[in-house]
């Protein structure tokens, strides 16, 4: 009887310890605090992205703003330009020196980037640079350039095949001439 009583007591202790461990490992009932408001702005030119910052130079014609804030507003040179409730703003830019301000209605986020210089998109800028400097450079259409690249690749493969075949043919021919004797029977 005493063994059964000790066995029950050890089973009760074991169950109690397991229950205590499970309760300690459960997540607490306190709600997690909301994530802080974060916003950033950038421009893009080709495959390059330029992050907007203090005294920065950026290439691109459109300002992209990403944020997890509610009711984010965009001010350019102190003038209201755009507002977003989902945190994404796309704004067409003038290519000049500007001051950019991103702020929320509740004051949770307020960031001003001063002396931000925006240049036109890279390809547009390159073409205008040629025009400003009076360079007589002939620019061709991208599709035409791609066709020329394809033909150049195809022809280089053909030329490489002809040359390698010619070299192998001569090597095989010289090996046969040196190592095999032909007997002429009359």
C-alpha atoms as a PDB file:
ATOM      1  CA  UNK A   1       0.000   0.000   0.000  1.00  0.00           C
ATOM      2  CA  UNK A   2       2.843   2.291   0.830  1.00  0.00           C
ATOM      3  CA  UNK A   3       4.394   1.706  -2.651  1.00  0.00           C
ATOM      4  CA  UNK A   4       1.158   2.674  -4.365  1.00  0.00           C
ATOM      5  CA  UNK A   5       0.938   5.815  -2.236  1.00  0.00           C
ATOM      6  CA  UNK A   6       4.555   6.797  -3.116  1.00  0.00           C
ATOM      7  CA  UNK A   7       3.907   6.031  -6.770  1.00  0.00           C
ATOM      8  CA  UNK A   8       0.859   8.293  -6.795  1.00  0.00           C
ATOM      9  CA  UNK A   9       2.791  11.019  -5.044  1.00  0.00           C
ATOM     10  CA  UNK A  10       5.688  10.842  -7.591  1.00  0.00           C
ATOM     11  CA  UNK A  11       3.193  10.800 -10.488  1.00  0.00           C
ATOM     12  CA  UNK A  12       1.477  13.847  -8.991  1.00  0.00           C
ATOM     13  CA  UNK A  13       4.840  15.647  -8.611  1.00  0.00           C
ATOM     14  CA  UNK A  14       5.854  14.756 -12.176  1.00  0.00           C
ATOM     15  CA  UNK A  15       2.522  16.002 -13.538  1.00  0.00           C
ATOM     16  CA  UNK A  16       2.830  19.182 -11.470  1.00  0.00           C
ATOM     17  CA  UNK A  17       6.327  19.889 -12.753  1.00  0.00           C
ATOM     18  CA  UNK A  18       5.272  19.313 -16.388  1.00  0.00           C
ATOM     19  CA  UNK A  19       2.228  21.602 -15.921  1.00  0.00           C
ATOM     20  CA  UNK A  20       4.411  24.317 -14.378  1.00  0.00           C
ATOM     21  CA  UNK A  21       6.908  24.109 -17.282  1.00  0.00           C
ATOM     22  CA  UNK A  22       4.137  24.325 -19.871  1.00  0.00           C
ATOM     23  CA  UNK A  23       2.664  27.390 -18.139  1.00  0.00           C
ATOM     24  CA  UNK A  24       6.064  29.079 -18.034  1.00  0.00           C
ATOM     25  CA  UNK A  25       6.685  28.423 -21.731  1.00  0.00           C
ATOM     26  CA  UNK A  26       3.326  29.804 -22.904  1.00  0.00           C
ATOM     27  CA  UNK A  27       3.508  33.320 -24.364  1.00  0.00           C
ATOM     28  CA  UNK A  28       2.509  36.050 -21.977  1.00  0.00           C
ATOM     29  CA  UNK A  29      -0.885  37.703 -22.290  1.00  0.00           C
ATOM     30  CA  UNK A  30       0.610  41.171 -22.764  1.00  0.00           C
ATOM     31  CA  UNK A  31       0.024  42.568 -26.235  1.00  0.00           C
ATOM     32  CA  UNK A  32       3.083  43.332 -28.315  1.00  0.00           C
ATOM     33  CA  UNK A  33       3.697  47.015 -28.870  1.00  0.00           C
ATOM     34  CA  UNK A  34       3.051  48.374 -32.358  1.00  0.00           C
ATOM     35  CA  UNK A  35       6.054  48.629 -34.664  1.00  0.00           C
ATOM     36  CA  UNK A  36       7.569  52.101 -34.955  1.00  0.00           C
ATOM     37  CA  UNK A  37       6.729  54.245 -37.933  1.00  0.00           C
ATOM     38  CA  UNK A  38       9.432  53.964 -40.608  1.00  0.00           C
ATOM     39  CA  UNK A  39       9.480  55.768 -43.963  1.00  0.00           C
ATOM     40  CA  UNK A  40      12.090  56.204 -46.684  1.00  0.00           C
ATOM     41  CA  UNK A  41      12.202  57.776 -50.123  1.00  0.00           C
ATOM     42  CA  UNK A  42      14.185  56.809 -53.206  1.00  0.00           C
ATOM     43  CA  UNK A  43      14.424  57.349 -56.944  1.00  0.00           C
ATOM     44  CA  UNK A  44      15.378  54.844 -59.601  1.00  0.00           C
ATOM     45  CA  UNK A  45      17.223  55.054 -62.866  1.00  0.00           C
ATOM     46  CA  UNK A  46      17.590  51.891 -64.911  1.00  0.00           C
ATOM     47  CA  UNK A  47      18.405  49.161 -62.401  1.00  0.00           C
ATOM     48  CA  UNK A  48      19.926  51.597 -59.872  1.00  0.00           C
ATOM     49  CA  UNK A  49      18.102  52.873 -56.790  1.00  0.00           C
ATOM     50  CA  UNK A  50      19.104  56.148 -55.098  1.00  0.00           C
ATOM     51  CA  UNK A  51      18.136  56.653 -51.436  1.00  0.00           C
ATOM     52  CA  UNK A  52      17.093  60.227 -50.611  1.00  0.00           C
ATOM     53  CA  UNK A  53      19.122  61.790 -47.811  1.00  0.00           C
ATOM     54  CA  UNK A  54      20.484  65.122 -46.633  1.00  0.00           C
ATOM     55  CA  UNK A  55      22.549  66.875 -49.351  1.00  0.00           C
ATOM     56  CA  UNK A  56      22.203  63.915 -51.732  1.00  0.00           C
ATOM     57  CA  UNK A  57      22.145  63.695 -55.512  1.00  0.00           C
ATOM     58  CA  UNK A  58      19.653  61.331 -57.117  1.00  0.00           C
ATOM     59  CA  UNK A  59      18.941  60.240 -60.674  1.00  0.00           C
ATOM     60  CA  UNK A  60      15.357  59.512 -61.688  1.00  0.00           C
ATOM     61  CA  UNK A  61      12.132  61.220 -62.652  1.00  0.00           C
ATOM     62  CA  UNK A  62       9.865  59.805 -59.961  1.00  0.00           C
ATOM     63  CA  UNK A  63      10.118  59.871 -56.161  1.00  0.00           C
ATOM     64  CA  UNK A  64       9.022  56.619 -54.496  1.00  0.00           C
ATOM     65  CA  UNK A  65       8.121  56.685 -50.801  1.00  0.00           C
ATOM     66  CA  UNK A  66       7.661  53.452 -48.821  1.00  0.00           C
ATOM     67  CA  UNK A  67       6.315  53.429 -45.294  1.00  0.00           C
ATOM     68  CA  UNK A  68       4.442  51.454 -42.653  1.00  0.00           C
ATOM     69  CA  UNK A  69       2.889  54.666 -41.261  1.00  0.00           C
ATOM     70  CA  UNK A  70      -0.742  55.666 -41.539  1.00  0.00           C
ATOM     71  CA  UNK A  71      -1.598  58.967 -43.266  1.00  0.00           C
ATOM     72  CA  UNK A  72       1.886  59.859 -44.475  1.00  0.00           C
ATOM     73  CA  UNK A  73       2.201  63.251 -46.204  1.00  0.00           C
ATOM     74  CA  UNK A  74       4.793  64.450 -48.712  1.00  0.00           C
ATOM     75  CA  UNK A  75       5.867  68.091 -48.802  1.00  0.00           C
ATOM     76  CA  UNK A  76       8.216  69.424 -51.487  1.00  0.00           C
ATOM     77  CA  UNK A  77       9.818  72.814 -50.718  1.00  0.00           C
ATOM     78  CA  UNK A  78       7.217  73.374 -47.989  1.00  0.00           C
ATOM     79  CA  UNK A  79       4.228  72.731 -50.281  1.00  0.00           C
ATOM     80  CA  UNK A  80       1.891  69.791 -49.721  1.00  0.00           C
ATOM     81  CA  UNK A  81       2.115  67.409 -52.705  1.00  0.00           C
ATOM     82  CA  UNK A  82       0.696  63.999 -51.757  1.00  0.00           C
ATOM     83  CA  UNK A  83      -0.818  61.902 -48.961  1.00  0.00           C
ATOM     84  CA  UNK A  84      -1.166  58.161 -48.582  1.00  0.00           C
ATOM     85  CA  UNK A  85      -3.004  55.973 -46.124  1.00  0.00           C
ATOM     86  CA  UNK A  86      -1.275  52.759 -47.216  1.00  0.00           C
ATOM     87  CA  UNK A  87       2.284  54.112 -47.005  1.00  0.00           C
ATOM     88  CA  UNK A  88       3.201  54.132 -50.719  1.00  0.00           C
ATOM     89  CA  UNK A  89       3.597  57.428 -52.591  1.00  0.00           C
ATOM     90  CA  UNK A  90       4.775  57.896 -56.182  1.00  0.00           C
ATOM     91  CA  UNK A  91       5.428  61.501 -57.183  1.00  0.00           C
ATOM     92  CA  UNK A  92       6.681  62.961 -60.495  1.00  0.00           C
ATOM     93  CA  UNK A  93       9.681  65.210 -59.823  1.00  0.00           C
ATOM     94  CA  UNK A  94      11.096  68.409 -61.231  1.00  0.00           C
ATOM     95  CA  UNK A  95      14.815  67.985 -61.825  1.00  0.00           C
ATOM     96  CA  UNK A  96      16.119  70.679 -59.481  1.00  0.00           C
ATOM     97  CA  UNK A  97      17.433  71.214 -55.961  1.00  0.00           C
ATOM     98  CA  UNK A  98      14.570  70.552 -53.515  1.00  0.00           C
ATOM     99  CA  UNK A  99      13.700  70.057 -49.845  1.00  0.00           C
ATOM    100  CA  UNK A 100      11.622  66.937 -49.131  1.00  0.00           C
ATOM    101  CA  UNK A 101       9.571  66.472 -45.950  1.00  0.00           C
ATOM    102  CA  UNK A 102       7.778  63.268 -44.925  1.00  0.00           C
ATOM    103  CA  UNK A 103       5.401  63.540 -41.973  1.00  0.00           C
ATOM    104  CA  UNK A 104       2.396  61.854 -40.396  1.00  0.00           C
ATOM    105  CA  UNK A 105      -0.753  63.562 -39.152  1.00  0.00           C
ATOM    106  CA  UNK A 106      -0.223  62.422 -35.561  1.00  0.00           C
ATOM    107  CA  UNK A 107       3.419  63.610 -35.465  1.00  0.00           C
ATOM    108  CA  UNK A 108       4.757  60.081 -34.998  1.00  0.00           C
ATOM    109  CA  UNK A 109       7.158  60.563 -37.934  1.00  0.00           C
ATOM    110  CA  UNK A 110       8.621  63.787 -39.294  1.00  0.00           C
ATOM    111  CA  UNK A 111      11.749  63.814 -41.465  1.00  0.00           C
ATOM    112  CA  UNK A 112      13.102  66.609 -43.660  1.00  0.00           C
ATOM    113  CA  UNK A 113      15.769  66.089 -46.300  1.00  0.00           C
ATOM    114  CA  UNK A 114      17.244  69.403 -47.391  1.00  0.00           C
ATOM    115  CA  UNK A 115      19.356  70.220 -50.460  1.00  0.00           C
ATOM    116  CA  UNK A 116      18.359  67.104 -52.374  1.00  0.00           C
ATOM    117  CA  UNK A 117      19.374  67.410 -56.012  1.00  0.00           C
ATOM    118  CA  UNK A 118      17.382  65.441 -58.575  1.00  0.00           C
ATOM    119  CA  UNK A 119      18.788  64.761 -62.044  1.00  0.00           C
ATOM    120  CA  UNK A 120      16.869  63.299 -64.986  1.00  0.00           C
ATOM    121  CA  UNK A 121      16.848  59.577 -65.587  1.00  0.00           C
ATOM    122  CA  UNK A 122      20.285  58.283 -66.657  1.00  0.00           C
ATOM    123  CA  UNK A 123      19.443  57.504 -70.279  1.00  0.00           C
ATOM    124  CA  UNK A 124      17.580  60.764 -70.742  1.00  0.00           C
ATOM    125  CA  UNK A 125      20.464  62.666 -69.120  1.00  0.00           C
ATOM    126  CA  UNK A 126      23.039  60.993 -71.371  1.00  0.00           C
ATOM    127  CA  UNK A 127      21.138  61.935 -74.520  1.00  0.00           C
ATOM    128  CA  UNK A 128      20.738  65.535 -73.360  1.00  0.00           C
ATOM    129  CA  UNK A 129      24.436  65.720 -72.479  1.00  0.00           C
ATOM    130  CA  UNK A 130      25.343  64.753 -76.047  1.00  0.00           C
ATOM    131  CA  UNK A 131      22.919  67.358 -77.344  1.00  0.00           C
ATOM    132  CA  UNK A 132      24.279  70.125 -75.040  1.00  0.00           C
ATOM    133  CA  UNK A 133      27.865  69.448 -76.047  1.00  0.00           C
ATOM    134  CA  UNK A 134      27.072  69.358 -79.781  1.00  0.00           C
ATOM    135  CA  UNK A 135      28.552  65.912 -80.236  1.00  0.00           C
ATOM    136  CA  UNK A 136      27.702  64.294 -83.555  1.00  0.00           C
ATOM    137  CA  UNK A 137      26.982  60.870 -82.150  1.00  0.00           C
ATOM    138  CA  UNK A 138      24.435  58.741 -83.940  1.00  0.00           C
ATOM    139  CA  UNK A 139      22.205  56.888 -81.516  1.00  0.00           C
ATOM    140  CA  UNK A 140      20.380  53.798 -82.782  1.00  0.00           C
ATOM    141  CA  UNK A 141      17.185  52.160 -81.624  1.00  0.00           C
ATOM    142  CA  UNK A 142      17.549  49.489 -78.887  1.00  0.00           C
ATOM    143  CA  UNK A 143      15.745  46.851 -80.985  1.00  0.00           C
ATOM    144  CA  UNK A 144      18.106  47.446 -83.893  1.00  0.00           C
ATOM    145  CA  UNK A 145      21.114  47.174 -81.580  1.00  0.00           C
ATOM    146  CA  UNK A 146      19.797  43.886 -80.200  1.00  0.00           C
ATOM    147  CA  UNK A 147      19.364  42.485 -83.730  1.00  0.00           C
ATOM    148  CA  UNK A 148      22.943  43.485 -84.546  1.00  0.00           C
ATOM    149  CA  UNK A 149      24.182  41.757 -81.373  1.00  0.00           C
ATOM    150  CA  UNK A 150      22.317  38.580 -82.312  1.00  0.00           C
ATOM    151  CA  UNK A 151      23.823  38.550 -85.815  1.00  0.00           C
ATOM    152  CA  UNK A 152      27.305  39.179 -84.424  1.00  0.00           C
ATOM    153  CA  UNK A 153      26.918  36.255 -82.001  1.00  0.00           C
ATOM    154  CA  UNK A 154      25.645  33.933 -84.740  1.00  0.00           C
ATOM    155  CA  UNK A 155      28.434  34.853 -87.165  1.00  0.00           C
ATOM    156  CA  UNK A 156      31.132  34.494 -84.505  1.00  0.00           C
ATOM    157  CA  UNK A 157      29.898  30.952 -83.760  1.00  0.00           C
ATOM    158  CA  UNK A 158      30.011  30.098 -87.503  1.00  0.00           C
ATOM    159  CA  UNK A 159      33.540  31.514 -87.866  1.00  0.00           C
ATOM    160  CA  UNK A 160      34.763  29.646 -84.770  1.00  0.00           C
ATOM    161  CA  UNK A 161      33.274  26.377 -86.102  1.00  0.00           C
ATOM    162  CA  UNK A 162      34.926  26.822 -89.543  1.00  0.00           C
ATOM    163  CA  UNK A 163      38.327  27.610 -88.012  1.00  0.00           C
ATOM    164  CA  UNK A 164      38.244  24.711 -85.544  1.00  0.00           C
ATOM    165  CA  UNK A 165      37.125  22.296 -88.286  1.00  0.00           C
ATOM    166  CA  UNK A 166      39.970  23.519 -90.552  1.00  0.00           C
ATOM    167  CA  UNK A 167      42.559  23.069 -87.768  1.00  0.00           C
ATOM    168  CA  UNK A 168      41.332  19.571 -86.877  1.00  0.00           C
ATOM    169  CA  UNK A 169      41.226  18.604 -90.579  1.00  0.00           C
ATOM    170  CA  UNK A 170      44.869  19.636 -91.038  1.00  0.00           C
ATOM    171  CA  UNK A 171      45.974  17.830 -87.871  1.00  0.00           C
ATOM    172  CA  UNK A 172      44.230  14.619 -88.897  1.00  0.00           C
ATOM    173  CA  UNK A 173      45.519  14.891 -92.473  1.00  0.00           C
ATOM    174  CA  UNK A 174      49.155  15.358 -91.335  1.00  0.00           C
ATOM    175  CA  UNK A 175      48.851  12.421 -88.910  1.00  0.00           C
ATOM    176  CA  UNK A 176      47.552  10.167 -91.685  1.00  0.00           C
ATOM    177  CA  UNK A 177      50.314  11.305 -94.085  1.00  0.00           C
ATOM    178  CA  UNK A 178      53.076  10.562 -91.561  1.00  0.00           C
ATOM    179  CA  UNK A 179      51.840   7.314 -90.057  1.00  0.00           C
ATOM    180  CA  UNK A 180      50.115   5.409 -92.823  1.00  0.00           C
ATOM    181  CA  UNK A 181      51.770   4.086 -95.963  1.00  0.00           C
ATOM    182  CA  UNK A 182      49.753   3.409 -99.019  1.00  0.00           C
ATOM    183  CA  UNK A 183      50.857   0.537-101.217  1.00  0.00           C
ATOM    184  CA  UNK A 184      50.281   0.865-104.927  1.00  0.00           C
ATOM    185  CA  UNK A 185      49.736  -2.407-106.737  1.00  0.00           C
ATOM    186  CA  UNK A 186      49.877  -2.725-110.483  1.00  0.00           C
END
